[in-house]
Amino acid sequence: MKYVLALTCLFASGAALADAAQRQGFWGAVDLGYGSVHLTPDVADASTRTRLYLGLEGGYTVHPQVQLGVSVGGWSLRHDDWWNPLGSDEGMHTLFAVARIRPAADSRLFIKVGGGSATHWNNAQGADRGSGSAYVLGMGYRLGSYAATETYWFVNYTAGSVSDYRPPGGVSQDEDFGALTAGLTLGF
């Protein structure tokens, strides 16, 4: 956590709060934050976990107010042993087509909407991954820019359902999920 705060301060301290240049061409972003993930399986008890979120986005600017692209991201729900890549890790990841829409070409605010697939996976013996569909609604606010990069604060709400997920020692089941995630975006 202290490293996330140090990176935040580094990006924010060098950021001039000048208006962004006209957006055009290809764009990309790295999201880093924390999300509260609420899982509601059909058979097991519901649970809520607050976990690290990492996302990558990229696409093309079709208009200074509209950016279209692809987003891949996810939450690490459990990680038992950093030194054992075959341990009983668990997580959720998403793959979305997204649109980032700004109210004006020079606006610091953008709204994000998207939809696509979601997967709940588990490396533990006897577990089986489940997949389904999900959507994301979010917003970002540009804190500043420096050289060819921009720093944003973001908040996203992601929800969907996953079919045929089987936890270790459990039965195959469907589950709904919802996640409220907040953090920082480094855009370029």
Foldseek 3Di string as FASTA:
>chain_A
DVVQVVVVCVQLVQFDADFDDQDFFKKKKKWWWKKWKWKFWPPDHIDIDIFIKIKIWMAGAPGLFKTKTKMKMWTFRDDDDPVDPLDFTWIKMWIWTKMWGDPDSRAQKTKMKIKDKMKTDTSDPQWDIWMDIKMKIKMWGWSGDDDPKTKIKMKMKMWDKTFQTADHPGGTTIMIMIMIIIGMMIMD
